[in-house]
Amino acid sequence: MADDTREMPVPRWLRVVMVSDRAGSAWYVGTGFFFAPILAVLSPWHAVTVALWVLIALAGLWLGLLGIAMATGLAMVLRTGREIPEDYWWSLVGDYRHAATRNR
């Protein structure tokens, strides 16, 4: 049986988790600016305010679970004693480094 960890030091599912966490965090912070005035306007209607708070809490819980999964995956990689290559990190953010060198 071949040792697949040499070729792929990072679990495949970790990429999905990290990309989802990045996008979800950006969405959560961005919509927070819109939820504050909406909550202020809708505060007389208690049921609607509670529904919005439940929605906000569930989104926060989802991001927390993604954070736990991300920490678990990174700990698995560190436990093997391997290092995550720099190209892997750049691939998560859209490889802006290579785009900047092409424009020179």
N, C-alpha and C. Protein backbone atom coordinates (compact mmCIF):
# COMPACT_ATOMS: atom_id res chain seq x y z
N MET A 1 0.84 -1.17 0.00
CA MET A 1 0.00 0.00 0.00
C MET A 1 0.89 1.24 0.00
N ALA A 2 0.64 2.16 -0.89
CA ALA A 2 1.47 3.36 -1.02
C ALA A 2 1.14 4.36 0.08
N ASP A 3 2.14 5.14 0.45
CA ASP A 3 1.97 6.17 1.47
C ASP A 3 1.49 7.44 0.77
N ASP A 4 0.16 7.67 0.82
CA ASP A 4 -0.44 8.82 0.14
C ASP A 4 -0.14 10.13 0.84
N THR A 5 0.29 10.11 2.09
CA THR A 5 0.52 11.36 2.81
C THR A 5 1.74 12.09 2.29
N ARG A 6 2.66 11.40 1.62
CA ARG A 6 3.81 12.09 1.06
C ARG A 6 3.40 12.97 -0.12
N GLU A 7 2.49 12.43 -0.94
CA GLU A 7 2.04 13.18 -2.10
C GLU A 7 1.05 14.27 -1.70
N MET A 8 0.19 13.99 -0.75
CA MET A 8 -0.86 14.92 -0.35
C MET A 8 -0.80 15.10 1.17
N PRO A 9 0.01 16.07 1.64
CA PRO A 9 0.17 16.22 3.09
C PRO A 9 -1.07 16.80 3.76
N VAL A 10 -1.98 17.36 3.01
CA VAL A 10 -3.17 18.00 3.57
C VAL A 10 -4.39 17.16 3.18
N PRO A 11 -5.26 16.84 4.15
CA PRO A 11 -6.48 16.09 3.80
C PRO A 11 -7.32 16.85 2.77
N ARG A 12 -7.93 16.11 1.86
CA ARG A 12 -8.71 16.74 0.79
C ARG A 12 -9.88 17.56 1.32
N TRP A 13 -10.52 17.08 2.38
CA TRP A 13 -11.68 17.77 2.92
C TRP A 13 -11.31 19.11 3.58
N LEU A 14 -10.05 19.27 3.96
CA LEU A 14 -9.63 20.50 4.64
C LEU A 14 -9.73 21.70 3.71
N ARG A 15 -9.47 21.52 2.44
CA ARG A 15 -9.59 22.63 1.48
C ARG A 15 -11.02 23.15 1.44
N VAL A 16 -11.99 22.25 1.39
CA VAL A 16 -13.40 22.64 1.35
C VAL A 16 -13.77 23.40 2.62
N VAL A 17 -13.30 22.88 3.76
CA VAL A 17 -13.60 23.52 5.04
C VAL A 17 -12.99 24.92 5.10
N MET A 18 -11.74 25.06 4.68
CA MET A 18 -11.07 26.35 4.77
C MET A 18 -11.68 27.38 3.81
N VAL A 19 -12.03 26.95 2.61
CA VAL A 19 -12.65 27.87 1.66
C VAL A 19 -14.04 28.27 2.16
N SER A 20 -14.79 27.31 2.69
CA SER A 20 -16.12 27.61 3.23
C SER A 20 -16.04 28.54 4.43
N ASP A 21 -15.05 28.34 5.27
CA ASP A 21 -14.88 29.19 6.44
C ASP A 21 -14.53 30.61 6.02
N ARG A 22 -13.68 30.73 5.05
CA ARG A 22 -13.29 32.07 4.56
C ARG A 22 -14.48 32.80 3.96
N ALA A 23 -15.22 32.12 3.09
CA ALA A 23 -16.39 32.74 2.46
C ALA A 23 -17.49 33.02 3.48
N GLY A 24 -17.72 32.07 4.38
CA GLY A 24 -18.75 32.24 5.39
C GLY A 24 -18.44 33.37 6.35
N SER A 25 -17.19 33.51 6.73
CA SER A 25 -16.81 34.60 7.63
C SER A 25 -16.99 35.95 6.95
N ALA A 26 -16.63 36.05 5.69
CA ALA A 26 -16.81 37.30 4.96
C ALA A 26 -18.30 37.64 4.85
N TRP A 27 -19.10 36.65 4.57
CA TRP A 27 -20.55 36.84 4.47
C TRP A 27 -21.13 37.26 5.82
N TYR A 28 -20.69 36.60 6.89
CA TYR A 28 -21.23 36.86 8.23
C TYR A 28 -20.92 38.29 8.67
N VAL A 29 -19.71 38.73 8.48
CA VAL A 29 -19.32 40.09 8.85
C VAL A 29 -20.04 41.11 7.96
N GLY A 30 -20.09 40.84 6.68
CA GLY A 30 -20.75 41.76 5.75
C GLY A 30 -22.23 41.94 6.03
N THR A 31 -22.92 40.86 6.28
CA THR A 31 -24.36 40.97 6.55
C THR A 31 -24.63 41.53 7.94
N GLY A 32 -23.65 41.47 8.82
CA GLY A 32 -23.83 42.06 10.14
C GLY A 32 -24.09 43.55 10.08
N PHE A 33 -23.52 44.20 9.09
CA PHE A 33 -23.76 45.64 8.92
C PHE A 33 -25.20 45.91 8.48
N PHE A 34 -25.82 44.95 7.81
CA PHE A 34 -27.20 45.14 7.39
C PHE A 34 -28.20 44.67 8.45
N PHE A 35 -27.82 43.67 9.26
CA PHE A 35 -28.73 43.16 10.27
C PHE A 35 -28.95 44.15 11.41
N ALA A 36 -27.96 44.94 11.75
CA ALA A 36 -28.10 45.87 12.88
C ALA A 36 -29.24 46.87 12.64
N PRO A 37 -29.29 47.56 11.52
CA PRO A 37 -30.43 48.48 11.33
C PRO A 37 -31.76 47.74 11.15
N ILE A 38 -31.71 46.57 10.53
CA ILE A 38 -32.95 45.80 10.36
C ILE A 38 -33.50 45.40 11.72
N LEU A 39 -32.63 44.96 12.62
CA LEU A 39 -33.09 44.60 13.97
C LEU A 39 -33.64 45.81 14.71
N ALA A 40 -33.03 46.96 14.49
CA ALA A 40 -33.52 48.17 15.15
C ALA A 40 -34.91 48.55 14.64
N VAL A 41 -35.13 48.42 13.35
CA VAL A 41 -36.43 48.77 12.78
C VAL A 41 -37.50 47.76 13.18
N LEU A 42 -37.13 46.49 13.22
CA LEU A 42 -38.11 45.43 13.50
C LEU A 42 -38.25 45.10 14.98
N SER A 43 -37.59 45.86 15.85
CA SER A 43 -37.63 45.54 17.28
C SER A 43 -39.02 45.57 17.90
N PRO A 44 -39.99 46.36 17.41
CA PRO A 44 -41.34 46.29 18.00
C PRO A 44 -42.02 44.93 17.79
N TRP A 45 -41.63 44.21 16.74
CA TRP A 45 -42.22 42.90 16.48
C TRP A 45 -41.31 41.82 17.06
N HIS A 46 -41.69 41.38 18.23
CA HIS A 46 -40.84 40.45 18.98
C HIS A 46 -40.56 39.14 18.22
N ALA A 47 -41.56 38.57 17.58
CA ALA A 47 -41.39 37.28 16.89
C ALA A 47 -40.39 37.40 15.74
N VAL A 48 -40.45 38.50 15.01
CA VAL A 48 -39.52 38.69 13.89
C VAL A 48 -38.11 38.91 14.42
N THR A 49 -37.97 39.66 15.50
CA THR A 49 -36.65 39.89 16.10
C THR A 49 -36.04 38.58 16.58
N VAL A 50 -36.84 37.75 17.21
CA VAL A 50 -36.34 36.44 17.68
C VAL A 50 -35.93 35.57 16.50
N ALA A 51 -36.72 35.58 15.43
CA ALA A 51 -36.38 34.77 14.24
C ALA A 51 -35.05 35.23 13.64
N LEU A 52 -34.83 36.54 13.58
CA LEU A 52 -33.56 37.04 13.05
C LEU A 52 -32.39 36.66 13.95
N TRP A 53 -32.57 36.74 15.27
CA TRP A 53 -31.50 36.35 16.18
C TRP A 53 -31.19 34.86 16.07
N VAL A 54 -32.22 34.04 15.86
CA VAL A 54 -31.99 32.60 15.67
C VAL A 54 -31.19 32.36 14.39
N LEU A 55 -31.53 33.09 13.34
CA LEU A 55 -30.79 32.97 12.08
C LEU A 55 -29.33 33.37 12.26
N ILE A 56 -29.10 34.47 12.96
CA ILE A 56 -27.73 34.93 13.22
C ILE A 56 -26.97 33.90 14.07
N ALA A 57 -27.63 33.35 15.07
CA ALA A 57 -26.99 32.36 15.95
C ALA A 57 -26.64 31.08 15.19
N LEU A 58 -27.53 30.64 14.32
CA LEU A 58 -27.25 29.41 13.55
C LEU A 58 -26.09 29.61 12.58
N ALA A 59 -26.01 30.78 11.97
CA ALA A 59 -24.87 31.07 11.09
C ALA A 59 -23.58 31.11 11.89
N GLY A 60 -23.62 31.70 13.08
CA GLY A 60 -22.44 31.72 13.95
C GLY A 60 -22.03 30.33 14.40
N LEU A 61 -23.01 29.50 14.70
CA LEU A 61 -22.73 28.11 15.09
C LEU A 61 -22.07 27.35 13.95
N TRP A 62 -22.58 27.55 12.73
CA TRP A 62 -21.99 26.90 11.56
C TRP A 62 -20.53 27.31 11.38
N LEU A 63 -20.25 28.60 11.53
CA LEU A 63 -18.86 29.07 11.41
C LEU A 63 -17.99 28.49 12.52
N GLY A 64 -18.55 28.34 13.70
CA GLY A 64 -17.80 27.72 14.80
C GLY A 64 -17.47 26.27 14.49
N LEU A 65 -18.41 25.53 13.93
CA LEU A 65 -18.15 24.14 13.56
C LEU A 65 -17.11 24.04 12.45
N LEU A 66 -17.16 24.97 11.50
CA LEU A 66 -16.13 25.00 10.46
C LEU A 66 -14.76 25.28 11.08
N GLY A 67 -14.70 26.16 12.07
CA GLY A 67 -13.45 26.46 12.75
C GLY A 67 -12.88 25.26 13.47
N ILE A 68 -13.76 24.48 14.11
CA ILE A 68 -13.31 23.26 14.79
C ILE A 68 -12.78 22.25 13.77
N ALA A 69 -13.49 22.10 12.65
CA ALA A 69 -13.02 21.18 11.61
C ALA A 69 -11.69 21.64 11.02
N MET A 70 -11.52 22.95 10.85
CA MET A 70 -10.27 23.47 10.31
C MET A 70 -9.13 23.22 11.29
N ALA A 71 -9.37 23.47 12.57
CA ALA A 71 -8.33 23.23 13.58
C ALA A 71 -7.96 21.75 13.65
N THR A 72 -8.95 20.88 13.51
CA THR A 72 -8.69 19.45 13.53
C THR A 72 -7.84 19.03 12.34
N GLY A 73 -8.18 19.51 11.15
CA GLY A 73 -7.41 19.16 9.95
C GLY A 73 -5.99 19.67 10.02
N LEU A 74 -5.81 20.91 10.47
CA LEU A 74 -4.45 21.45 10.58
C LEU A 74 -3.65 20.71 11.65
N ALA A 75 -4.30 20.30 12.73
CA ALA A 75 -3.61 19.52 13.76
C ALA A 75 -3.19 18.15 13.23
N MET A 76 -4.03 17.57 12.37
CA MET A 76 -3.66 16.27 11.78
C MET A 76 -2.41 16.41 10.93
N VAL A 77 -2.31 17.49 10.18
CA VAL A 77 -1.13 17.71 9.34
C VAL A 77 0.09 17.95 10.22
N LEU A 78 -0.04 18.79 11.24
CA LEU A 78 1.10 19.07 12.12
C LEU A 78 1.55 17.83 12.88
N ARG A 79 0.62 16.96 13.20
CA ARG A 79 0.96 15.75 13.94
C ARG A 79 1.86 14.82 13.13
N THR A 80 1.73 14.87 11.80
CA THR A 80 2.58 14.03 10.96
C THR A 80 3.99 14.60 10.85
N GLY A 81 4.17 15.86 11.29
CA GLY A 81 5.48 16.48 11.20
C GLY A 81 5.77 17.11 9.86
N ARG A 82 4.77 17.17 9.02
CA ARG A 82 4.95 17.77 7.70
C ARG A 82 4.57 19.24 7.73
N GLU A 83 5.00 19.93 6.70
CA GLU A 83 4.71 21.35 6.56
C GLU A 83 3.78 21.54 5.37
N ILE A 84 2.83 22.45 5.52
CA ILE A 84 1.92 22.75 4.42
C ILE A 84 2.65 23.68 3.46
N PRO A 85 2.72 23.33 2.18
CA PRO A 85 3.46 24.15 1.23
C PRO A 85 2.82 25.54 1.04
N GLU A 86 3.63 26.51 0.71
CA GLU A 86 3.16 27.88 0.53
C GLU A 86 2.15 27.97 -0.62
N ASP A 87 2.36 27.17 -1.66
CA ASP A 87 1.43 27.19 -2.79
C ASP A 87 0.01 26.79 -2.38
N TYR A 88 -0.08 25.91 -1.38
CA TYR A 88 -1.40 25.51 -0.88
C TYR A 88 -2.14 26.70 -0.29
N TRP A 89 -1.45 27.50 0.51
CA TRP A 89 -2.07 28.68 1.14
C TRP A 89 -2.48 29.69 0.07
N TRP A 90 -1.62 29.90 -0.92
CA TRP A 90 -1.96 30.84 -1.98
C TRP A 90 -3.14 30.36 -2.79
N SER A 91 -3.28 29.06 -2.96
CA SER A 91 -4.41 28.53 -3.73
C SER A 91 -5.74 28.77 -3.01
N LEU A 92 -5.71 28.94 -1.71
CA LEU A 92 -6.94 29.19 -0.96
C LEU A 92 -7.46 30.61 -1.15
N VAL A 93 -6.56 31.54 -1.44
CA VAL A 93 -6.98 32.94 -1.57
C VAL A 93 -7.04 33.40 -3.02
N GLY A 94 -6.83 32.53 -3.96
CA GLY A 94 -6.99 32.90 -5.36
C GLY A 94 -5.69 33.17 -6.08
N ASP A 95 -4.58 32.80 -5.50
CA ASP A 95 -3.27 32.91 -6.14
C ASP A 95 -3.00 34.31 -6.68
N TYR A 96 -3.17 35.32 -5.83
CA TYR A 96 -2.92 36.70 -6.21
C TYR A 96 -1.43 36.96 -6.45
N ARG A 97 -0.59 36.16 -5.85
CA ARG A 97 0.86 36.35 -5.99
C ARG A 97 1.28 36.21 -7.45
N HIS A 98 0.79 35.17 -8.12
CA HIS A 98 1.16 34.95 -9.51
C HIS A 98 0.55 36.01 -10.43
N ALA A 99 -0.63 36.49 -10.10
CA ALA A 99 -1.26 37.54 -10.90
C ALA A 99 -0.46 38.84 -10.82
N ALA A 100 0.12 39.13 -9.66
CA ALA A 100 0.90 40.35 -9.50
C ALA A 100 2.20 40.27 -10.30
N THR A 101 2.82 39.11 -10.36
CA THR A 101 4.08 38.97 -11.10
C THR A 101 3.84 38.99 -12.61
N ARG A 102 2.66 38.59 -13.07
CA ARG A 102 2.35 38.61 -14.50
C ARG A 102 2.15 40.04 -15.01
N ASN A 103 1.68 40.94 -14.14
CA ASN A 103 1.39 42.31 -14.56
C ASN A 103 2.64 43.18 -14.64
N ARG A 104 3.77 42.70 -14.23
CA ARG A 104 5.01 43.49 -14.27
C ARG A 104 5.59 43.57 -15.64
